[in-house]
Structures are given as C-alpha cells and as structure tokens.
C-alpha cells in the first residue's frame, strides 16, 4: 500500500511540475482563406429609398500574428495583428460589380479552453482600410477603380468609404500536439462600409461579414 501511495505522489508531483514549466506566454503565425460579403441595405436620398444587395461572396486571403497569455488552465487573452482581404459582389441582369477592401485588423480576444488543445475565442476587433477597389462589368465592357479613383467615384455620388471598421469576432481553434493550429472564425461588422457625405443622403446596411479558415504554428 505504501509503495502505491509513493508512486501516486510521485506521478502527481511530475504532473504539477510539468504544468508549472508550461509557458504562460506563447506566440504564433497563421494564414488562410476569407469568404466575405456585406449585408444588404438601403440608400435614401431626398425622401426616395432604393435597396441594394452586395451579398455575393468574395474569396480572399488573410495572414496574422498573435500573442497569447494564459491566466490559468482554462482562460487566456489573445491580441492579434492581421492583414485581411475582404469584399463583396453584386449582380443584376447583365451588370455585375466586385468590391475589394483590404484591412489591417486588430482583434483582442478572450480565450476559453474547455479541453486540452481546444480554444474558444470571442472579442472585439478594429480594422483600418489600406486598399479599396471596384470592378464594374456591363456586357463586354468593364471598368476598374482603385485608391483615389475609387474615392472620387464615391464622392461624385455624395458617398464616402468608412476607413474604420468595428466588428466582433468569434471562433474555434484546435492545436495539434500543442503547436499546429487549425482555426475557424466569423467576424461580424457593425458599421456601414460606405457612408454618406451629404445631409440629404442616408445609407444603412452594408456591414462586413467574414468567415475565416486558417492554419498556423504556435511557438
């Protein structure tokens, strides 16, 4: 009996010692695919309301780095810095339009670890637009506008790009042998991507929705 007790105590001590040696700080890199669109909305000018629908899915890419701090076995916090290619598509008859919005996103995520190597993340995200473009096609004719040309076209229509984006992020992550990451996340934007320059023009809807699927490595 005494021998069994000593073996049990030794095993417990080894387990506690291993936990104590675990690093509370980790960092990693991740990259993957974006599937994004914007919500449908309305434009109201001089009392007349028109609806628009840019909810077609655009495919893009993201790459990010993160820093993770564990407060204990079950909770942590993870700030990130991410480059994200987002967008939307719209089509009606023989007309189609593709929108591209590239952002630098900074999510700060609260982590819950219900089981070993599995994490649930939720938290706010701020984004800053660094590139925008639009390609319009009608029949055999096409037109692409980017940067200041894109801004000038919006300005001509009493509109403007909201360069700041605020969103909520929620997702899952699994760490294979604690190092190789597989993740899925959904980002829900709250503000309209394109706003109004004019007092008589109002825009509602058109917020971002982004699903991300990625792979990474954690050091």
Protein backbone atom coordinates (compact mmCIF):
# COMPACT_ATOMS: atom_id res chain seq x y z
CA UNK A 1 0.00 0.00 0.00
CA UNK A 2 2.78 2.42 0.96
CA UNK A 3 4.51 1.71 -2.35
CA UNK A 4 1.33 2.57 -4.30
CA UNK A 5 0.92 5.81 -2.33
CA UNK A 6 4.53 6.82 -3.06
CA UNK A 7 4.05 6.08 -6.78
CA UNK A 8 0.85 8.16 -6.80
CA UNK A 9 2.57 11.08 -5.05
CA UNK A 10 5.49 10.90 -7.49
CA UNK A 11 3.14 10.88 -10.50
CA UNK A 12 1.23 13.88 -9.09
CA UNK A 13 4.45 15.77 -8.45
CA UNK A 14 5.63 15.14 -12.04
CA UNK A 15 2.28 16.37 -13.39
CA UNK A 16 2.33 19.53 -11.25
CA UNK A 17 5.97 20.15 -12.19
CA UNK A 18 5.16 19.82 -15.89
CA UNK A 19 2.26 22.27 -15.56
CA UNK A 20 4.48 24.72 -13.71
CA UNK A 21 7.01 24.59 -16.55
CA UNK A 22 4.39 25.39 -19.19
CA UNK A 23 4.89 28.85 -20.63
CA UNK A 24 2.05 31.29 -19.91
CA UNK A 25 3.21 33.29 -22.94
CA UNK A 26 3.00 31.86 -26.45
CA UNK A 27 3.01 33.44 -29.90
CA UNK A 28 2.27 32.22 -33.37
CA UNK A 29 1.55 32.84 -37.05
CA UNK A 30 -1.50 31.90 -39.08
CA UNK A 31 -2.78 32.26 -42.64
CA UNK A 32 -5.78 31.11 -44.61
CA UNK A 33 -8.85 31.91 -46.68
CA UNK A 34 -11.56 34.56 -46.30
CA UNK A 35 -15.13 34.18 -47.52
CA UNK A 36 -16.69 37.63 -47.19
CA UNK A 37 -19.70 39.72 -48.15
CA UNK A 38 -21.66 42.73 -46.95
CA UNK A 39 -25.21 42.81 -45.67
CA UNK A 40 -28.00 44.14 -47.87
CA UNK A 41 -29.09 47.70 -47.25
CA UNK A 42 -30.86 50.81 -48.45
CA UNK A 43 -29.90 54.23 -49.77
CA UNK A 44 -32.29 57.10 -49.08
CA UNK A 45 -31.89 60.39 -50.93
CA UNK A 46 -34.39 63.24 -50.97
CA UNK A 47 -37.03 61.00 -49.46
CA UNK A 48 -36.66 58.24 -52.06
CA UNK A 49 -35.41 54.84 -50.86
CA UNK A 50 -33.52 52.38 -53.02
CA UNK A 51 -32.34 48.94 -51.93
CA UNK A 52 -29.02 47.36 -52.85
CA UNK A 53 -27.62 43.87 -52.43
CA UNK A 54 -23.86 43.26 -52.38
CA UNK A 55 -24.15 39.96 -50.55
CA UNK A 56 -22.32 37.88 -53.17
CA UNK A 57 -19.36 36.05 -51.66
CA UNK A 58 -15.82 37.25 -52.37
CA UNK A 59 -12.81 35.00 -51.80
CA UNK A 60 -9.72 36.50 -50.19
CA UNK A 61 -6.67 35.78 -48.06
CA UNK A 62 -5.59 36.63 -44.53
CA UNK A 63 -2.32 36.41 -42.60
CA UNK A 64 -1.89 37.15 -38.92
CA UNK A 65 0.39 37.02 -35.93
CA UNK A 66 -0.78 36.59 -32.35
CA UNK A 67 0.43 36.79 -28.78
CA UNK A 68 -1.31 34.63 -26.17
CA UNK A 69 -1.24 34.88 -22.39
CA UNK A 70 -2.84 32.16 -20.25
CA UNK A 71 -4.21 33.19 -16.86
CA UNK A 72 -4.57 29.55 -15.96
CA UNK A 73 -5.51 26.20 -17.37
CA UNK A 74 -8.88 27.34 -18.73
CA UNK A 75 -8.74 31.04 -19.69
CA UNK A 76 -6.46 33.42 -21.55
CA UNK A 77 -6.31 36.51 -23.74
CA UNK A 78 -5.01 36.80 -27.31
CA UNK A 79 -4.30 40.08 -29.13
CA UNK A 80 -3.63 39.74 -32.87
CA UNK A 81 -2.44 41.76 -35.86
CA UNK A 82 -3.91 40.65 -39.19
CA UNK A 83 -3.90 41.57 -42.87
CA UNK A 84 -7.29 40.70 -44.35
CA UNK A 85 -8.57 40.78 -47.96
CA UNK A 86 -12.34 41.28 -47.79
CA UNK A 87 -15.03 42.26 -50.24
CA UNK A 88 -18.42 41.61 -51.81
CA UNK A 89 -20.12 41.06 -55.15
CA UNK A 90 -23.32 42.40 -56.67
CA UNK A 91 -25.08 41.46 -59.90
CA UNK A 92 -28.31 42.42 -61.65
CA UNK A 93 -29.11 41.47 -65.24
CA UNK A 94 -26.00 41.96 -67.38
CA UNK A 95 -24.38 44.24 -64.76
CA UNK A 96 -22.01 42.98 -62.06
CA UNK A 97 -19.77 44.67 -59.53
CA UNK A 98 -16.92 43.31 -57.41
CA UNK A 99 -15.68 45.20 -54.36
CA UNK A 100 -12.33 44.62 -52.64
CA UNK A 101 -11.46 46.07 -49.22
CA UNK A 102 -8.10 45.27 -47.60
CA UNK A 103 -7.79 45.87 -43.88
CA UNK A 104 -5.29 45.80 -41.08
CA UNK A 105 -7.36 44.22 -38.29
CA UNK A 106 -6.56 44.19 -34.57
CA UNK A 107 -8.73 41.75 -32.61
CA UNK A 108 -8.36 41.37 -28.82
CA UNK A 109 -9.88 38.02 -27.95
CA UNK A 110 -10.88 36.37 -24.69
CA UNK A 111 -9.98 32.66 -24.71
CA UNK A 112 -11.82 29.80 -23.02
CA UNK A 113 -10.22 26.34 -23.08
CA UNK A 114 -12.93 23.70 -22.37
CA UNK A 115 -10.49 20.86 -23.07
CA UNK A 116 -6.81 20.36 -23.82
CA UNK A 117 -5.71 21.98 -27.11
CA UNK A 118 -9.22 23.30 -27.91
CA UNK A 119 -9.89 27.04 -27.58
CA UNK A 120 -12.99 29.19 -27.99
CA UNK A 121 -12.31 32.85 -28.81
CA UNK A 122 -14.61 35.87 -28.63
CA UNK A 123 -13.90 39.59 -28.55
CA UNK A 124 -13.88 42.96 -30.32
CA UNK A 125 -11.93 43.83 -33.46
CA UNK A 126 -10.98 47.16 -35.00
CA UNK A 127 -9.95 47.44 -38.64
CA UNK A 128 -8.28 50.11 -40.77
CA UNK A 129 -8.76 50.15 -44.54
CA UNK A 130 -5.49 50.27 -46.51
CA UNK A 131 -6.77 49.46 -50.01
CA UNK A 132 -10.09 49.55 -51.89
CA UNK A 133 -11.11 48.79 -55.44
CA UNK A 134 -14.22 48.20 -57.53
CA UNK A 135 -14.63 46.41 -60.86
CA UNK A 136 -17.86 47.03 -62.77
CA UNK A 137 -18.89 44.95 -65.78
CA UNK A 138 -21.75 45.57 -68.16
CA UNK A 139 -21.92 43.27 -71.14
CA UNK A 140 -18.47 43.24 -72.76
CA UNK A 141 -17.39 46.49 -71.10
CA UNK A 142 -15.52 46.65 -67.79
CA UNK A 143 -14.12 49.37 -65.53
CA UNK A 144 -11.79 49.08 -62.53
CA UNK A 145 -11.32 51.85 -59.98
CA UNK A 146 -8.96 51.75 -57.01
CA UNK A 147 -7.47 54.07 -54.41
CA UNK A 148 -8.19 57.75 -55.04
CA UNK A 149 -10.17 56.96 -58.22
CA UNK A 150 -12.48 54.79 -56.14
CA UNK A 151 -12.83 57.60 -53.59
CA UNK A 152 -13.57 60.15 -56.32
CA UNK A 153 -16.35 57.96 -57.72
CA UNK A 154 -17.93 57.70 -54.28
CA UNK A 155 -17.56 61.44 -53.75
CA UNK A 156 -19.33 62.13 -57.05
CA UNK A 157 -22.26 60.15 -55.65
CA UNK A 158 -22.17 62.01 -52.29
CA UNK A 159 -20.74 58.90 -50.61
CA UNK A 160 -17.52 58.01 -48.84
CA UNK A 161 -15.64 54.96 -47.63
CA UNK A 162 -15.58 54.40 -43.88
CA UNK A 163 -11.88 53.72 -43.39
CA UNK A 164 -12.52 52.40 -39.85
CA UNK A 165 -14.33 49.12 -39.23
CA UNK A 166 -15.54 47.81 -35.88
CA UNK A 167 -16.51 44.16 -35.56
CA UNK A 168 -16.98 41.25 -33.16
CA UNK A 169 -15.06 38.03 -33.70
CA UNK A 170 -15.99 34.53 -32.53
CA UNK A 171 -14.22 31.31 -33.39
CA UNK A 172 -12.69 27.94 -32.57
CA UNK A 173 -9.09 26.79 -32.64
CA UNK A 174 -7.51 23.38 -32.19
CA UNK A 175 -3.78 22.91 -31.55
CA UNK A 176 -2.45 19.59 -32.83
CA UNK A 177 0.24 18.43 -30.36
CA UNK A 178 0.02 21.94 -28.96
CA UNK A 179 1.76 23.56 -31.94
CA UNK A 180 -0.04 23.15 -35.28
CA UNK A 181 -3.18 25.27 -35.39
CA UNK A 182 -6.46 24.77 -37.23
CA UNK A 183 -8.95 27.59 -36.82
CA UNK A 184 -12.34 28.82 -37.97
CA UNK A 185 -13.68 32.30 -37.18
CA UNK A 186 -16.61 34.53 -38.04
CA UNK A 187 -16.26 38.34 -37.97
CA UNK A 188 -19.43 40.42 -37.68
CA UNK A 189 -19.06 44.07 -38.70
CA UNK A 190 -21.25 46.73 -37.11
CA UNK A 191 -20.71 49.86 -39.19
CA UNK A 192 -21.55 50.55 -42.84
CA UNK A 193 -18.58 50.15 -45.21
CA UNK A 194 -19.76 53.03 -47.44
CA UNK A 195 -21.35 56.06 -45.78
CA UNK A 196 -22.75 59.41 -46.84
CA UNK A 197 -21.19 62.80 -47.48
CA UNK A 198 -24.50 64.62 -47.92
CA UNK A 199 -27.06 65.65 -45.31
CA UNK A 200 -29.97 64.56 -47.51
CA UNK A 201 -28.43 61.12 -48.23
CA UNK A 202 -28.52 58.26 -45.74
CA UNK A 203 -27.09 54.77 -46.10
CA UNK A 204 -28.00 51.78 -43.94
CA UNK A 205 -26.82 48.19 -44.04
CA UNK A 206 -23.71 47.16 -45.96
CA UNK A 207 -21.73 45.93 -42.92
CA UNK A 208 -18.99 43.33 -43.34
CA UNK A 209 -19.38 39.60 -42.71
CA UNK A 210 -16.23 37.48 -42.94
CA UNK A 211 -15.70 33.75 -42.42
CA UNK A 212 -12.04 32.76 -41.97
CA UNK A 213 -10.49 29.30 -42.14
CA UNK A 214 -6.80 29.07 -41.39
CA UNK A 215 -3.74 27.05 -40.45
CA UNK A 216 -0.87 28.15 -38.27
CA UNK A 217 2.03 27.38 -35.97
CA UNK A 218 2.39 28.29 -32.31
CA UNK A 219 5.81 28.73 -30.70
